Amino acid sequence: MQVQIANSSHIEALLALASRTFIDTYAIYNTPENLQLYLDTNFTPEIMASELSEKGSTYLVGFDEDAMVAFAKIRTIDTILEDSEAAEIQRIYVDKSYHSKGLGSVMMQACVDFAKQQGFKKMGLGVWENNPKAIAFYTKWGFEKIGVHSFVLGSEEQNDFILMKNL
């Protein structure tokens, strides 16, 4: 898999992948209305274009030949981590047809490499408290729980564990 920094030419494919992977991950846990509300307020062409050009926001995208199959969003400003030495992985997803092929690790390594290149000493993220598979993946990568953060998905308040690791 080839990983690169996303640009405006990737908006359409990135939106399709982001929506698909979010639905694949969370549809069974949320109402269709809450899921759609989240998608409508987070994954639009306008929002994606804004995030791609926003200072402190970087998308890394992974390709299998010409198909975008993975992405990660990294925040380096205004993170939930409250630590100026830490970059935040705000999103990291792999298309479900590519699960169990090691691409999550490829994307995680790309995130770590990016953060180090930007001079960060730590990396953190939020992970839904009811996602044991993701929690196990992050723990394997050396992330440790340092707190809890609430967020709203649609009209429902949920909790993320805040995890952090030294780089």
C-alpha atoms as a PDB file:
ATOM      1  CA  MET A   1       0.000   0.000   0.000  1.00  0.00           C
ATOM      2  CA  GLN A   2       1.216   3.472  -0.896  1.00  0.00           C
ATOM      3  CA  VAL A   3       0.481   6.238   1.659  1.00  0.00           C
ATOM      4  CA  GLN A   4       0.484   9.927   0.794  1.00  0.00           C
ATOM      5  CA  ILE A   5      -0.830  13.234   2.073  1.00  0.00           C
ATOM      6  CA  ALA A   6      -4.299  13.930   0.690  1.00  0.00           C
ATOM      7  CA  ASN A   7      -5.065  16.985  -1.397  1.00  0.00           C
ATOM      8  CA  SER A   8      -8.160  18.492  -3.004  1.00  0.00           C
ATOM      9  CA  SER A   9      -8.085  15.933  -5.834  1.00  0.00           C
ATOM     10  CA  HIS A  10      -8.857  13.220  -3.253  1.00  0.00           C
ATOM     11  CA  ILE A  11     -12.075  14.763  -1.854  1.00  0.00           C
ATOM     12  CA  GLU A  12     -14.576  12.538  -3.674  1.00  0.00           C
ATOM     13  CA  ALA A  13     -12.775   9.248  -2.949  1.00  0.00           C
ATOM     14  CA  LEU A  14     -12.009  10.294   0.625  1.00  0.00           C
ATOM     15  CA  LEU A  15     -15.642  11.187   1.315  1.00  0.00           C
ATOM     16  CA  ALA A  16     -16.837   7.870  -0.087  1.00  0.00           C
ATOM     17  CA  LEU A  17     -14.294   5.900   1.961  1.00  0.00           C
ATOM     18  CA  ALA A  18     -14.917   7.910   5.147  1.00  0.00           C
ATOM     19  CA  SER A  19     -18.676   7.460   4.935  1.00  0.00           C
ATOM     20  CA  ARG A  20     -18.445   3.767   4.061  1.00  0.00           C
ATOM     21  CA  THR A  21     -15.964   2.891   6.806  1.00  0.00           C
ATOM     22  CA  PHE A  22     -17.870   4.885   9.422  1.00  0.00           C
ATOM     23  CA  ILE A  23     -21.119   3.131   8.540  1.00  0.00           C
ATOM     24  CA  ASP A  24     -19.388  -0.274   8.467  1.00  0.00           C
ATOM     25  CA  THR A  25     -17.938   0.363  11.927  1.00  0.00           C
ATOM     26  CA  TYR A  26     -20.833   1.986  13.772  1.00  0.00           C
ATOM     27  CA  ALA A  27     -24.142   1.165  12.038  1.00  0.00           C
ATOM     28  CA  ILE A  28     -24.877  -1.794  14.300  1.00  0.00           C
ATOM     29  CA  TYR A  29     -24.445   0.373  17.422  1.00  0.00           C
ATOM     30  CA  ASN A  30     -26.433   3.470  16.427  1.00  0.00           C
ATOM     31  CA  THR A  31     -29.808   4.393  14.999  1.00  0.00           C
ATOM     32  CA  PRO A  32     -29.917   5.117  11.261  1.00  0.00           C
ATOM     33  CA  GLU A  33     -31.048   8.665  12.094  1.00  0.00           C
ATOM     34  CA  ASN A  34     -28.080   9.358  14.394  1.00  0.00           C
ATOM     35  CA  LEU A  35     -25.669   7.829  11.900  1.00  0.00           C
ATOM     36  CA  GLN A  36     -27.050   9.932   9.038  1.00  0.00           C
ATOM     37  CA  LEU A  37     -26.981  13.096  11.152  1.00  0.00           C
ATOM     38  CA  TYR A  38     -23.317  12.448  11.946  1.00  0.00           C
ATOM     39  CA  LEU A  39     -22.469  11.839   8.288  1.00  0.00           C
ATOM     40  CA  ASP A  40     -24.381  14.951   7.191  1.00  0.00           C
ATOM     41  CA  THR A  41     -22.531  17.150   9.685  1.00  0.00           C
ATOM     42  CA  ASN A  42     -19.040  15.674   9.272  1.00  0.00           C
ATOM     43  CA  PHE A  43     -18.631  14.227   5.784  1.00  0.00           C
ATOM     44  CA  THR A  44     -19.641  16.755   3.146  1.00  0.00           C
ATOM     45  CA  PRO A  45     -17.570  18.053   0.221  1.00  0.00           C
ATOM     46  CA  GLU A  46     -17.435  21.493   1.837  1.00  0.00           C
ATOM     47  CA  ILE A  47     -16.268  20.182   5.207  1.00  0.00           C
ATOM     48  CA  MET A  48     -13.704  17.890   3.607  1.00  0.00           C
ATOM     49  CA  ALA A  49     -12.315  20.716   1.456  1.00  0.00           C
ATOM     50  CA  SER A  50     -12.082  22.916   4.536  1.00  0.00           C
ATOM     51  CA  GLU A  51     -10.323  20.223   6.579  1.00  0.00           C
ATOM     52  CA  LEU A  52      -7.841  19.508   3.782  1.00  0.00           C
ATOM     53  CA  SER A  53      -6.797  23.159   3.683  1.00  0.00           C
ATOM     54  CA  GLU A  54      -7.027  23.866   7.424  1.00  0.00           C
ATOM     55  CA  LYS A  55      -3.814  24.568   9.304  1.00  0.00           C
ATOM     56  CA  GLY A  56      -3.152  21.740  11.752  1.00  0.00           C
ATOM     57  CA  SER A  57      -5.266  19.174   9.894  1.00  0.00           C
ATOM     58  CA  THR A  58      -3.697  16.529   7.639  1.00  0.00           C
ATOM     59  CA  TYR A  59      -5.227  13.511   5.959  1.00  0.00           C
ATOM     60  CA  LEU A  60      -3.034  10.564   5.028  1.00  0.00           C
ATOM     61  CA  VAL A  61      -4.544   8.278   2.402  1.00  0.00           C
ATOM     62  CA  GLY A  62      -3.553   4.715   1.519  1.00  0.00           C
ATOM     63  CA  PHE A  63      -3.907   3.265  -1.956  1.00  0.00           C
ATOM     64  CA  ASP A  64      -3.983  -0.271  -3.289  1.00  0.00           C
ATOM     65  CA  GLU A  65      -3.053   0.475  -6.887  1.00  0.00           C
ATOM     66  CA  ASP A  66      -5.595   3.201  -7.818  1.00  0.00           C
ATOM     67  CA  ALA A  67      -8.148   2.444  -5.096  1.00  0.00           C
ATOM     68  CA  MET A  68      -8.149   4.459  -1.865  1.00  0.00           C
ATOM     69  CA  VAL A  69      -8.510   1.819   0.863  1.00  0.00           C
ATOM     70  CA  ALA A  70      -7.417   3.555   4.082  1.00  0.00           C
ATOM     71  CA  PHE A  71      -7.139   6.992   5.609  1.00  0.00           C
ATOM     72  CA  ALA A  72      -6.130   8.779   8.767  1.00  0.00           C
ATOM     73  CA  LYS A  73      -6.786  12.330   9.915  1.00  0.00           C
ATOM     74  CA  ILE A  74      -4.129  13.898  12.111  1.00  0.00           C
ATOM     75  CA  ARG A  75      -4.630  17.099  14.123  1.00  0.00           C
ATOM     76  CA  THR A  76      -1.657  19.067  15.377  1.00  0.00           C
ATOM     77  CA  ILE A  77      -3.555  22.165  16.600  1.00  0.00           C
ATOM     78  CA  ASP A  78      -6.673  22.360  18.801  1.00  0.00           C
ATOM     79  CA  THR A  79      -6.582  18.705  19.754  1.00  0.00           C
ATOM     80  CA  ILE A  80      -8.601  16.983  22.488  1.00  0.00           C
ATOM     81  CA  LEU A  81      -5.298  15.988  24.113  1.00  0.00           C
ATOM     82  CA  GLU A  82      -4.436  19.317  25.797  1.00  0.00           C
ATOM     83  CA  ASP A  83      -0.736  18.594  25.291  1.00  0.00           C
ATOM     84  CA  SER A  84       1.338  20.733  22.934  1.00  0.00           C
ATOM     85  CA  GLU A  85       3.843  17.891  22.498  1.00  0.00           C
ATOM     86  CA  ALA A  86       1.161  15.542  21.141  1.00  0.00           C
ATOM     87  CA  ALA A  87      -0.370  15.099  17.708  1.00  0.00           C
ATOM     88  CA  GLU A  88      -3.850  13.566  17.630  1.00  0.00           C
ATOM     89  CA  ILE A  89      -5.074  10.815  15.344  1.00  0.00           C
ATOM     90  CA  GLN A  90      -8.632  12.029  14.925  1.00  0.00           C
ATOM     91  CA  ARG A  91      -9.683   9.281  12.513  1.00  0.00           C
ATOM     92  CA  ILE A  92      -8.046   6.131  11.201  1.00  0.00           C
ATOM     93  CA  TYR A  93      -9.978   3.639   9.082  1.00  0.00           C
ATOM     94  CA  VAL A  94      -9.340   0.809   6.636  1.00  0.00           C
ATOM     95  CA  ASP A  95     -11.932  -0.421   4.130  1.00  0.00           C
ATOM     96  CA  LYS A  96     -13.473  -3.604   5.568  1.00  0.00           C
ATOM     97  CA  SER A  97     -12.513  -5.633   2.484  1.00  0.00           C
ATOM     98  CA  TYR A  98      -8.868  -4.972   3.485  1.00  0.00           C
ATOM     99  CA  HIS A  99      -9.182  -5.841   7.183  1.00  0.00           C
ATOM    100  CA  SER A 100      -6.708  -8.377   8.603  1.00  0.00           C
ATOM    101  CA  LYS A 101      -4.122  -7.564   5.928  1.00  0.00           C
ATOM    102  CA  GLY A 102      -1.904  -5.357   8.095  1.00  0.00           C
ATOM    103  CA  LEU A 103      -3.020  -2.075   6.547  1.00  0.00           C
ATOM    104  CA  GLY A 104      -4.059  -0.627   9.906  1.00  0.00           C
ATOM    105  CA  SER A 105      -0.460  -1.030  11.026  1.00  0.00           C
ATOM    106  CA  VAL A 106       0.810   0.571   7.820  1.00  0.00           C
ATOM    107  CA  MET A 107      -1.460   3.560   8.436  1.00  0.00           C
ATOM    108  CA  MET A 108      -0.496   3.769  12.119  1.00  0.00           C
ATOM    109  CA  GLN A 109       3.200   3.750  11.216  1.00  0.00           C
ATOM    110  CA  ALA A 110       2.556   6.501   8.659  1.00  0.00           C
ATOM    111  CA  CYS A 111       0.823   8.554  11.388  1.00  0.00           C
ATOM    112  CA  VAL A 112       3.716   8.027  13.812  1.00  0.00           C
ATOM    113  CA  ASP A 113       6.261   8.932  11.127  1.00  0.00           C
ATOM    114  CA  PHE A 114       4.310  12.074  10.189  1.00  0.00           C
ATOM    115  CA  ALA A 115       4.061  13.207  13.826  1.00  0.00           C
ATOM    116  CA  LYS A 116       7.780  12.636  14.392  1.00  0.00           C
ATOM    117  CA  GLN A 117       8.642  14.567  11.213  1.00  0.00           C
ATOM    118  CA  GLN A 118       6.542  17.455  12.543  1.00  0.00           C
ATOM    119  CA  GLY A 119       8.548  17.413  15.797  1.00  0.00           C
ATOM    120  CA  PHE A 120       5.940  15.897  18.107  1.00  0.00           C
ATOM    121  CA  LYS A 121       7.061  13.815  21.090  1.00  0.00           C
ATOM    122  CA  LYS A 122       3.715  12.087  21.726  1.00  0.00           C
ATOM    123  CA  MET A 123       0.682  10.866  19.862  1.00  0.00           C
ATOM    124  CA  GLY A 124      -2.818  10.458  21.202  1.00  0.00           C
ATOM    125  CA  LEU A 125      -6.315   9.596  20.092  1.00  0.00           C
ATOM    126  CA  GLY A 126      -9.863   9.022  21.218  1.00  0.00           C
ATOM    127  CA  VAL A 127     -11.418   5.580  20.828  1.00  0.00           C
ATOM    128  CA  TRP A 128     -15.025   4.686  21.545  1.00  0.00           C
ATOM    129  CA  GLU A 129     -15.212   2.903  24.892  1.00  0.00           C
ATOM    130  CA  ASN A 130     -17.304   0.101  23.326  1.00  0.00           C
ATOM    131  CA  ASN A 131     -14.846  -0.745  20.539  1.00  0.00           C
ATOM    132  CA  PRO A 132     -12.647  -3.492  22.044  1.00  0.00           C
ATOM    133  CA  LYS A 133     -11.054  -4.421  18.704  1.00  0.00           C
ATOM    134  CA  ALA A 134      -9.752  -0.878  18.184  1.00  0.00           C
ATOM    135  CA  ILE A 135      -8.691  -0.572  21.835  1.00  0.00           C
ATOM    136  CA  ALA A 136      -6.680  -3.807  21.499  1.00  0.00           C
ATOM    137  CA  PHE A 137      -5.043  -2.515  18.293  1.00  0.00           C
ATOM    138  CA  TYR A 138      -4.008   0.762  19.938  1.00  0.00           C
ATOM    139  CA  THR A 139      -2.779  -1.012  23.075  1.00  0.00           C
ATOM    140  CA  LYS A 140      -0.599  -3.228  20.870  1.00  0.00           C
ATOM    141  CA  TRP A 141       0.896  -0.020  19.467  1.00  0.00           C
ATOM    142  CA  GLY A 142       1.787   1.182  22.975  1.00  0.00           C
ATOM    143  CA  PHE A 143      -1.085   3.579  23.625  1.00  0.00           C
ATOM    144  CA  GLU A 144      -2.262   3.873  27.237  1.00  0.00           C
ATOM    145  CA  LYS A 145      -5.494   5.290  28.629  1.00  0.00           C
ATOM    146  CA  ILE A 146      -5.086   8.742  30.167  1.00  0.00           C
ATOM    147  CA  GLY A 147      -8.690   9.941  30.321  1.00  0.00           C
ATOM    148  CA  VAL A 148     -12.217  10.014  28.944  1.00  0.00           C
ATOM    149  CA  HIS A 149     -13.822  12.471  26.517  1.00  0.00           C
ATOM    150  CA  SER A 150     -17.511  12.712  25.659  1.00  0.00           C
ATOM    151  CA  PHE A 151     -18.790  13.380  22.146  1.00  0.00           C
ATOM    152  CA  VAL A 152     -22.136  13.486  20.420  1.00  0.00           C
ATOM    153  CA  LEU A 153     -23.039  11.117  17.607  1.00  0.00           C
ATOM    154  CA  GLY A 154     -26.280  12.360  16.100  1.00  0.00           C
ATOM    155  CA  SER A 155     -28.331  13.138  19.197  1.00  0.00           C
ATOM    156  CA  GLU A 156     -26.647  10.660  21.558  1.00  0.00           C
ATOM    157  CA  GLU A 157     -23.786  11.440  23.923  1.00  0.00           C
ATOM    158  CA  GLN A 158     -21.089   8.760  23.955  1.00  0.00           C
ATOM    159  CA  ASN A 159     -17.633   8.372  25.506  1.00  0.00           C
ATOM    160  CA  ASP A 160     -14.187   7.937  24.053  1.00  0.00           C
ATOM    161  CA  PHE A 161     -11.198   6.743  26.000  1.00  0.00           C
ATOM    162  CA  ILE A 162      -8.268   9.123  25.484  1.00  0.00           C
ATOM    163  CA  LEU A 163      -5.107   7.147  24.765  1.00  0.00           C
ATOM    164  CA  MET A 164      -1.544   8.450  24.518  1.00  0.00           C
ATOM    165  CA  LYS A 165       1.905   7.128  23.673  1.00  0.00           C
ATOM    166  CA  ASN A 166       5.391   8.549  23.581  1.00  0.00           C
ATOM    167  CA  LEU A 167       7.051   8.648  20.168  1.00  0.00           C
END
